Structures are given as C-alpha cells and as structure tokens.
Amino acid sequence: MMSPAQETNSDLRWFKSTYSGGSGSDCVEVTFSGQVASIRDSKTPRRAMLTMPTIAFAAFIENMKAIEDGIRDVP
C-alpha cells in the first residue's frame, strides 16, 4: 500500500470542512489512507500535503472543538 505522500491527489477522496467559505474553495481538506491523515489547502491542491497519524489528527480536532466550545483555552 502506498502512503498518502506517494499517492496522487486524484487517488484520494478529500473532505472539506463544513466551515469552508461560500465558494467551497477557502478551506483545508483532509483525507485518510490507512493510519495516516493528509491535509492540504483547497486553493492549491497540487502543492505539498501535511501528513500525520490519524490518532494525532483526531486529538487535534478534539482540542479545536474544546477551544471552540470554551472548555479549553488556547495555549
């Protein structure tokens, strides 16, 4: 199996945030392949992707939700 960095962007199914801009292009996108999450800028999808273990991505999202809900302060 190839890692997301080795796969072409067209091989992956990318998801946009529900918080994306009205045109749908002002956002980050994420995809999952095995145990890796890849993140890219929707305005420049052919540029480099940020990759991390899915467990780290899940922790990042949970922290962002806690900050948004006022449960946790921004460090």
PDB file of N, CA and C in Angstrom:
ATOM      1  N   MET A   1       0.829  -1.176   0.000  1.00  0.00           N
ATOM      2  CA  MET A   1       0.000   0.000   0.000  1.00  0.00           C
ATOM      3  C   MET A   1       0.877   1.244   0.000  1.00  0.00           C
ATOM      4  N   MET A   2       0.495   2.250  -0.779  1.00  0.00           N
ATOM      5  CA  MET A   2       1.271   3.482  -0.838  1.00  0.00           C
ATOM      6  C   MET A   2       0.857   4.405   0.299  1.00  0.00           C
ATOM      7  N   SER A   3       1.786   5.220   0.747  1.00  0.00           N
ATOM      8  CA  SER A   3       1.445   6.245   1.725  1.00  0.00           C
ATOM      9  C   SER A   3       0.773   7.390   0.981  1.00  0.00           C
ATOM     10  N   PRO A   4       0.024   8.268   1.684  1.00  0.00           N
ATOM     11  CA  PRO A   4      -0.626   9.385   1.005  1.00  0.00           C
ATOM     12  C   PRO A   4       0.357  10.261   0.236  1.00  0.00           C
ATOM     13  N   ALA A   5       1.584  10.394   0.726  1.00  0.00           N
ATOM     14  CA  ALA A   5       2.567  11.216   0.029  1.00  0.00           C
ATOM     15  C   ALA A   5       2.937  10.604  -1.316  1.00  0.00           C
ATOM     16  N   GLN A   6       2.812   9.278  -1.454  1.00  0.00           N
ATOM     17  CA  GLN A   6       3.152   8.605  -2.698  1.00  0.00           C
ATOM     18  C   GLN A   6       1.966   8.526  -3.650  1.00  0.00           C
ATOM     19  N   GLU A   7       0.770   8.584  -3.128  1.00  0.00           N
ATOM     20  CA  GLU A   7      -0.421   8.509  -3.961  1.00  0.00           C
ATOM     21  C   GLU A   7      -0.622   9.853  -4.654  1.00  0.00           C
ATOM     22  N   THR A   8      -1.252   9.835  -5.807  1.00  0.00           N
ATOM     23  CA  THR A   8      -1.584  11.099  -6.438  1.00  0.00           C
ATOM     24  C   THR A   8      -2.844  11.641  -5.790  1.00  0.00           C
ATOM     25  N   ASN A   9      -3.017  12.954  -5.860  1.00  0.00           N
ATOM     26  CA  ASN A   9      -4.197  13.561  -5.252  1.00  0.00           C
ATOM     27  C   ASN A   9      -5.485  13.004  -5.832  1.00  0.00           C
ATOM     28  N   SER A  10      -5.472  12.593  -7.102  1.00  0.00           N
ATOM     29  CA  SER A  10      -6.689  12.060  -7.713  1.00  0.00           C
ATOM     30  C   SER A  10      -7.030  10.667  -7.193  1.00  0.00           C
ATOM     31  N   ASP A  11      -6.071   9.987  -6.551  1.00  0.00           N
ATOM     32  CA  ASP A  11      -6.325   8.661  -5.989  1.00  0.00           C
ATOM     33  C   ASP A  11      -7.039   8.731  -4.639  1.00  0.00           C
ATOM     34  N   LEU A  12      -7.126   9.910  -4.064  1.00  0.00           N
ATOM     35  CA  LEU A  12      -7.643  10.062  -2.709  1.00  0.00           C
ATOM     36  C   LEU A  12      -9.003  10.751  -2.717  1.00  0.00           C
ATOM     37  N   ARG A  13      -9.823  10.437  -1.730  1.00  0.00           N
ATOM     38  CA  ARG A  13     -11.112  11.116  -1.564  1.00  0.00           C
ATOM     39  C   ARG A  13     -10.935  12.177  -0.483  1.00  0.00           C
ATOM     40  N   TRP A  14     -11.012  13.424  -0.870  1.00  0.00           N
ATOM     41  CA  TRP A  14     -10.777  14.546   0.030  1.00  0.00           C
ATOM     42  C   TRP A  14     -12.095  15.065   0.591  1.00  0.00           C
ATOM     43  N   PHE A  15     -12.062  15.483   1.867  1.00  0.00           N
ATOM     44  CA  PHE A  15     -13.234  16.021   2.555  1.00  0.00           C
ATOM     45  C   PHE A  15     -12.960  17.466   2.937  1.00  0.00           C
ATOM     46  N   LYS A  16     -13.962  18.328   2.728  1.00  0.00           N
ATOM     47  CA  LYS A  16     -13.843  19.732   3.119  1.00  0.00           C
ATOM     48  C   LYS A  16     -14.618  19.957   4.410  1.00  0.00           C
ATOM     49  N   SER A  17     -14.154  20.913   5.162  1.00  0.00           N
ATOM     50  CA  SER A  17     -14.831  21.296   6.388  1.00  0.00           C
ATOM     51  C   SER A  17     -16.179  21.927   6.070  1.00  0.00           C
ATOM     52  N   THR A  18     -17.139  21.743   6.965  1.00  0.00           N
ATOM     53  CA  THR A  18     -18.426  22.421   6.818  1.00  0.00           C
ATOM     54  C   THR A  18     -18.278  23.917   7.070  1.00  0.00           C
ATOM     55  N   TYR A  19     -17.125  24.336   7.590  1.00  0.00           N
ATOM     56  CA  TYR A  19     -16.841  25.745   7.826  1.00  0.00           C
ATOM     57  C   TYR A  19     -16.197  26.412   6.616  1.00  0.00           C
ATOM     58  N   SER A  20     -16.097  25.735   5.487  1.00  0.00           N
ATOM     59  CA  SER A  20     -15.421  26.307   4.322  1.00  0.00           C
ATOM     60  C   SER A  20     -16.186  27.515   3.808  1.00  0.00           C
ATOM     61  N   GLY A  21     -15.487  28.349   3.053  1.00  0.00           N
ATOM     62  CA  GLY A  21     -16.093  29.555   2.509  1.00  0.00           C
ATOM     63  C   GLY A  21     -17.239  29.243   1.564  1.00  0.00           C
ATOM     64  N   GLY A  22     -18.020  30.251   1.225  1.00  0.00           N
ATOM     65  CA  GLY A  22     -19.180  30.078   0.365  1.00  0.00           C
ATOM     66  C   GLY A  22     -18.871  29.453  -0.978  1.00  0.00           C
ATOM     67  N   SER A  23     -17.690  29.749  -1.514  1.00  0.00           N
ATOM     68  CA  SER A  23     -17.332  29.169  -2.812  1.00  0.00           C
ATOM     69  C   SER A  23     -16.845  27.737  -2.668  1.00  0.00           C
ATOM     70  N   GLY A  24     -16.594  27.312  -1.434  1.00  0.00           N
ATOM     71  CA  GLY A  24     -16.117  25.959  -1.196  1.00  0.00           C
ATOM     72  C   GLY A  24     -14.639  25.770  -1.446  1.00  0.00           C
ATOM     73  N   SER A  25     -13.938  26.870  -1.773  1.00  0.00           N
ATOM     74  CA  SER A  25     -12.514  26.733  -2.068  1.00  0.00           C
ATOM     75  C   SER A  25     -11.629  27.399  -1.023  1.00  0.00           C
ATOM     76  N   ASP A  26     -12.210  27.965   0.007  1.00  0.00           N
ATOM     77  CA  ASP A  26     -11.437  28.660   1.038  1.00  0.00           C
ATOM     78  C   ASP A  26     -11.317  27.804   2.285  1.00  0.00           C
ATOM     79  N   CYS A  27     -10.691  26.668   2.144  1.00  0.00           N
ATOM     80  CA  CYS A  27     -10.673  25.746   3.263  1.00  0.00           C
ATOM     81  C   CYS A  27      -9.508  24.777   3.148  1.00  0.00           C
ATOM     82  N   VAL A  28      -9.321  24.037   4.211  1.00  0.00           N
ATOM     83  CA  VAL A  28      -8.405  22.904   4.152  1.00  0.00           C
ATOM     84  C   VAL A  28      -9.236  21.664   3.855  1.00  0.00           C
ATOM     85  N   GLU A  29      -8.583  20.662   3.295  1.00  0.00           N
ATOM     86  CA  GLU A  29      -9.222  19.388   3.012  1.00  0.00           C
ATOM     87  C   GLU A  29      -8.413  18.300   3.687  1.00  0.00           C
ATOM     88  N   VAL A  30      -9.079  17.213   4.021  1.00  0.00           N
ATOM     89  CA  VAL A  30      -8.404  16.095   4.679  1.00  0.00           C
ATOM     90  C   VAL A  30      -8.806  14.791   3.996  1.00  0.00           C
ATOM     91  N   THR A  31      -7.886  13.850   4.001  1.00  0.00           N
ATOM     92  CA  THR A  31      -8.156  12.508   3.502  1.00  0.00           C
ATOM     93  C   THR A  31      -7.463  11.513   4.419  1.00  0.00           C
ATOM     94  N   PHE A  32      -7.943  10.287   4.397  1.00  0.00           N
ATOM     95  CA  PHE A  32      -7.377   9.243   5.249  1.00  0.00           C
ATOM     96  C   PHE A  32      -6.962   8.058   4.393  1.00  0.00           C
ATOM     97  N   SER A  33      -5.794   7.523   4.687  1.00  0.00           N
ATOM     98  CA  SER A  33      -5.287   6.347   3.988  1.00  0.00           C
ATOM     99  C   SER A  33      -4.570   5.491   5.022  1.00  0.00           C
ATOM    100  N   GLY A  34      -5.189   4.377   5.378  1.00  0.00           N
ATOM    101  CA  GLY A  34      -4.598   3.545   6.419  1.00  0.00           C
ATOM    102  C   GLY A  34      -4.603   4.284   7.743  1.00  0.00           C
ATOM    103  N   GLN A  35      -3.455   4.402   8.357  1.00  0.00           N
ATOM    104  CA  GLN A  35      -3.326   5.058   9.665  1.00  0.00           C
ATOM    105  C   GLN A  35      -2.792   6.482   9.536  1.00  0.00           C
ATOM    106  N   VAL A  36      -2.923   7.073   8.341  1.00  0.00           N
ATOM    107  CA  VAL A  36      -2.365   8.399   8.077  1.00  0.00           C
ATOM    108  C   VAL A  36      -3.461   9.351   7.615  1.00  0.00           C
ATOM    109  N   ALA A  37      -3.466  10.559   8.188  1.00  0.00           N
ATOM    110  CA  ALA A  37      -4.333  11.636   7.728  1.00  0.00           C
ATOM    111  C   ALA A  37      -3.470  12.609   6.936  1.00  0.00           C
ATOM    112  N   SER A  38      -3.979  13.064   5.804  1.00  0.00           N
ATOM    113  CA  SER A  38      -3.275  14.054   4.992  1.00  0.00           C
ATOM    114  C   SER A  38      -4.147  15.286   4.893  1.00  0.00           C
ATOM    115  N   ILE A  39      -3.519  16.455   4.976  1.00  0.00           N
ATOM    116  CA  ILE A  39      -4.223  17.730   4.978  1.00  0.00           C
ATOM    117  C   ILE A  39      -3.609  18.596   3.888  1.00  0.00           C
ATOM    118  N   ARG A  40      -4.464  19.306   3.137  1.00  0.00           N
ATOM    119  CA  ARG A  40      -3.965  20.201   2.092  1.00  0.00           C
ATOM    120  C   ARG A  40      -4.828  21.452   2.029  1.00  0.00           C
ATOM    121  N   ASP A  41      -4.322  22.459   1.360  1.00  0.00           N
ATOM    122  CA  ASP A  41      -5.042  23.704   1.114  1.00  0.00           C
ATOM    123  C   ASP A  41      -5.918  23.499  -0.120  1.00  0.00           C
ATOM    124  N   SER A  42      -7.211  23.755   0.000  1.00  0.00           N
ATOM    125  CA  SER A  42      -8.114  23.516  -1.127  1.00  0.00           C
ATOM    126  C   SER A  42      -7.842  24.454  -2.301  1.00  0.00           C
ATOM    127  N   LYS A  43      -7.209  25.606  -2.047  1.00  0.00           N
ATOM    128  CA  LYS A  43      -6.896  26.535  -3.134  1.00  0.00           C
ATOM    129  C   LYS A  43      -5.698  26.081  -3.960  1.00  0.00           C
ATOM    130  N   THR A  44      -4.825  25.283  -3.355  1.00  0.00           N
ATOM    131  CA  THR A  44      -3.631  24.797  -4.058  1.00  0.00           C
ATOM    132  C   THR A  44      -3.488  23.293  -3.824  1.00  0.00           C
ATOM    133  N   PRO A  45      -4.410  22.499  -4.357  1.00  0.00           N
ATOM    134  CA  PRO A  45      -4.441  21.066  -4.053  1.00  0.00           C
ATOM    135  C   PRO A  45      -3.249  20.262  -4.561  1.00  0.00           C
ATOM    136  N   ARG A  46      -2.505  20.795  -5.507  1.00  0.00           N
ATOM    137  CA  ARG A  46      -1.358  20.041  -6.034  1.00  0.00           C
ATOM    138  C   ARG A  46      -0.070  20.321  -5.267  1.00  0.00           C
ATOM    139  N   ARG A  47      -0.125  21.210  -4.313  1.00  0.00           N
ATOM    140  CA  ARG A  47       1.056  21.517  -3.505  1.00  0.00           C
ATOM    141  C   ARG A  47       1.221  20.456  -2.427  1.00  0.00           C
ATOM    142  N   ALA A  48       2.224  20.616  -1.615  1.00  0.00           N
ATOM    143  CA  ALA A  48       2.551  19.624  -0.583  1.00  0.00           C
ATOM    144  C   ALA A  48       1.402  19.422   0.406  1.00  0.00           C
ATOM    145  N   MET A  49       1.320  18.196   0.925  1.00  0.00           N
ATOM    146  CA  MET A  49       0.332  17.837   1.940  1.00  0.00           C
ATOM    147  C   MET A  49       1.040  17.719   3.283  1.00  0.00           C
ATOM    148  N   LEU A  50       0.330  18.021   4.336  1.00  0.00           N
ATOM    149  CA  LEU A  50       0.791  17.765   5.695  1.00  0.00           C
ATOM    150  C   LEU A  50       0.237  16.403   6.081  1.00  0.00           C
ATOM    151  N   THR A  51       1.087  15.496   6.542  1.00  0.00           N
ATOM    152  CA  THR A  51       0.614  14.175   6.942  1.00  0.00           C
ATOM    153  C   THR A  51       0.928  13.924   8.404  1.00  0.00           C
ATOM    154  N   MET A  52       0.055  13.157   9.047  1.00  0.00           N
ATOM    155  CA  MET A  52       0.240  12.802  10.456  1.00  0.00           C
ATOM    156  C   MET A  52      -0.552  11.533  10.736  1.00  0.00           C
ATOM    157  N   PRO A  53      -0.217  10.831  11.823  1.00  0.00           N
ATOM    158  CA  PRO A  53      -1.016   9.659  12.199  1.00  0.00           C
ATOM    159  C   PRO A  53      -2.469  10.075  12.460  1.00  0.00           C
ATOM    160  N   THR A  54      -3.413   9.214  12.112  1.00  0.00           N
ATOM    161  CA  THR A  54      -4.822   9.550  12.315  1.00  0.00           C
ATOM    162  C   THR A  54      -5.138   9.828  13.778  1.00  0.00           C
ATOM    163  N   ILE A  55      -4.465   9.162  14.689  1.00  0.00           N
ATOM    164  CA  ILE A  55      -4.715   9.407  16.115  1.00  0.00           C
ATOM    165  C   ILE A  55      -4.298  10.826  16.510  1.00  0.00           C
ATOM    166  N   ALA A  56      -3.240  11.343  15.912  1.00  0.00           N
ATOM    167  CA  ALA A  56      -2.810  12.720  16.179  1.00  0.00           C
ATOM    168  C   ALA A  56      -3.807  13.709  15.582  1.00  0.00           C
ATOM    169  N   PHE A  57      -4.328  13.403  14.396  1.00  0.00           N
ATOM    170  CA  PHE A  57      -5.322  14.267  13.773  1.00  0.00           C
ATOM    171  C   PHE A  57      -6.596  14.305  14.618  1.00  0.00           C
ATOM    172  N   ALA A  58      -7.022  13.151  15.116  1.00  0.00           N
ATOM    173  CA  ALA A  58      -8.219  13.088  15.966  1.00  0.00           C
ATOM    174  C   ALA A  58      -8.031  13.918  17.233  1.00  0.00           C
ATOM    175  N   ALA A  59      -6.853  13.847  17.840  1.00  0.00           N
ATOM    176  CA  ALA A  59      -6.571  14.641  19.040  1.00  0.00           C
ATOM    177  C   ALA A  59      -6.592  16.131  18.713  1.00  0.00           C
ATOM    178  N   PHE A  60      -6.051  16.514  17.569  1.00  0.00           N
ATOM    179  CA  PHE A  60      -6.059  17.911  17.129  1.00  0.00           C
ATOM    180  C   PHE A  60      -7.494  18.419  16.992  1.00  0.00           C
ATOM    181  N   ILE A  61      -8.353  17.642  16.334  1.00  0.00           N
ATOM    182  CA  ILE A  61      -9.750  18.041  16.140  1.00  0.00           C
ATOM    183  C   ILE A  61     -10.474  18.157  17.482  1.00  0.00           C
ATOM    184  N   GLU A  62     -10.261  17.208  18.370  1.00  0.00           N
ATOM    185  CA  GLU A  62     -10.899  17.263  19.693  1.00  0.00           C
ATOM    186  C   GLU A  62     -10.469  18.513  20.460  1.00  0.00           C
ATOM    187  N   ASN A  63      -9.199  18.866  20.382  1.00  0.00           N
ATOM    188  CA  ASN A  63      -8.712  20.075  21.046  1.00  0.00           C
ATOM    189  C   ASN A  63      -9.331  21.330  20.440  1.00  0.00           C
ATOM    190  N   MET A  64      -9.463  21.377  19.121  1.00  0.00           N
ATOM    191  CA  MET A  64     -10.075  22.535  18.468  1.00  0.00           C
ATOM    192  C   MET A  64     -11.537  22.677  18.878  1.00  0.00           C
ATOM    193  N   LYS A  65     -12.254  21.556  18.970  1.00  0.00           N
ATOM    194  CA  LYS A  65     -13.651  21.594  19.413  1.00  0.00           C
ATOM    195  C   LYS A  65     -13.751  22.098  20.846  1.00  0.00           C
ATOM    196  N   ALA A  66     -12.855  21.646  21.715  1.00  0.00           N
ATOM    197  CA  ALA A  66     -12.870  22.069  23.115  1.00  0.00           C
ATOM    198  C   ALA A  66     -12.586  23.563  23.234  1.00  0.00           C
ATOM    199  N   ILE A  67     -11.681  24.070  22.418  1.00  0.00           N
ATOM    200  CA  ILE A  67     -11.386  25.508  22.422  1.00  0.00           C
ATOM    201  C   ILE A  67     -12.598  26.281  21.922  1.00  0.00           C
ATOM    202  N   GLU A  68     -13.205  25.825  20.832  1.00  0.00           N
ATOM    203  CA  GLU A  68     -14.379  26.497  20.272  1.00  0.00           C
ATOM    204  C   GLU A  68     -15.546  26.501  21.262  1.00  0.00           C
ATOM    205  N   ASP A  69     -15.718  25.421  22.008  1.00  0.00           N
ATOM    206  CA  ASP A  69     -16.807  25.309  22.981  1.00  0.00           C
ATOM    207  C   ASP A  69     -16.495  25.993  24.305  1.00  0.00           C
ATOM    208  N   GLY A  70     -15.296  26.573  24.435  1.00  0.00           N
ATOM    209  CA  GLY A  70     -14.918  27.262  25.659  1.00  0.00           C
ATOM    210  C   GLY A  70     -14.511  26.332  26.787  1.00  0.00           C
ATOM    211  N   ILE A  71     -14.331  25.061  26.493  1.00  0.00           N
ATOM    212  CA  ILE A  71     -13.934  24.085  27.508  1.00  0.00           C
ATOM    213  C   ILE A  71     -12.443  24.189  27.798  1.00  0.00           C
ATOM    214  N   ARG A  72     -11.696  24.578  26.796  1.00  0.00           N
ATOM    215  CA  ARG A  72     -10.237  24.667  26.923  1.00  0.00           C
ATOM    216  C   ARG A  72      -9.792  26.004  26.354  1.00  0.00           C
ATOM    217  N   ASP A  73      -8.781  26.605  26.972  1.00  0.00           N
ATOM    218  CA  ASP A  73      -8.217  27.853  26.475  1.00  0.00           C
ATOM    219  C   ASP A  73      -7.168  27.572  25.415  1.00  0.00           C
ATOM    220  N   VAL A  74      -6.960  28.547  24.553  1.00  0.00           N
ATOM    221  CA  VAL A  74      -5.889  28.444  23.562  1.00  0.00           C
ATOM    222  C   VAL A  74      -4.567  28.505  24.314  1.00  0.00           C
ATOM    223  N   PRO A  75      -3.669  27.549  24.056  1.00  0.00           N
ATOM    224  CA  PRO A  75      -2.380  27.565  24.778  1.00  0.00           C
ATOM    225  C   PRO A  75      -1.537  28.761  24.399  1.00  0.00           C
TER     226      PRO A  75
END
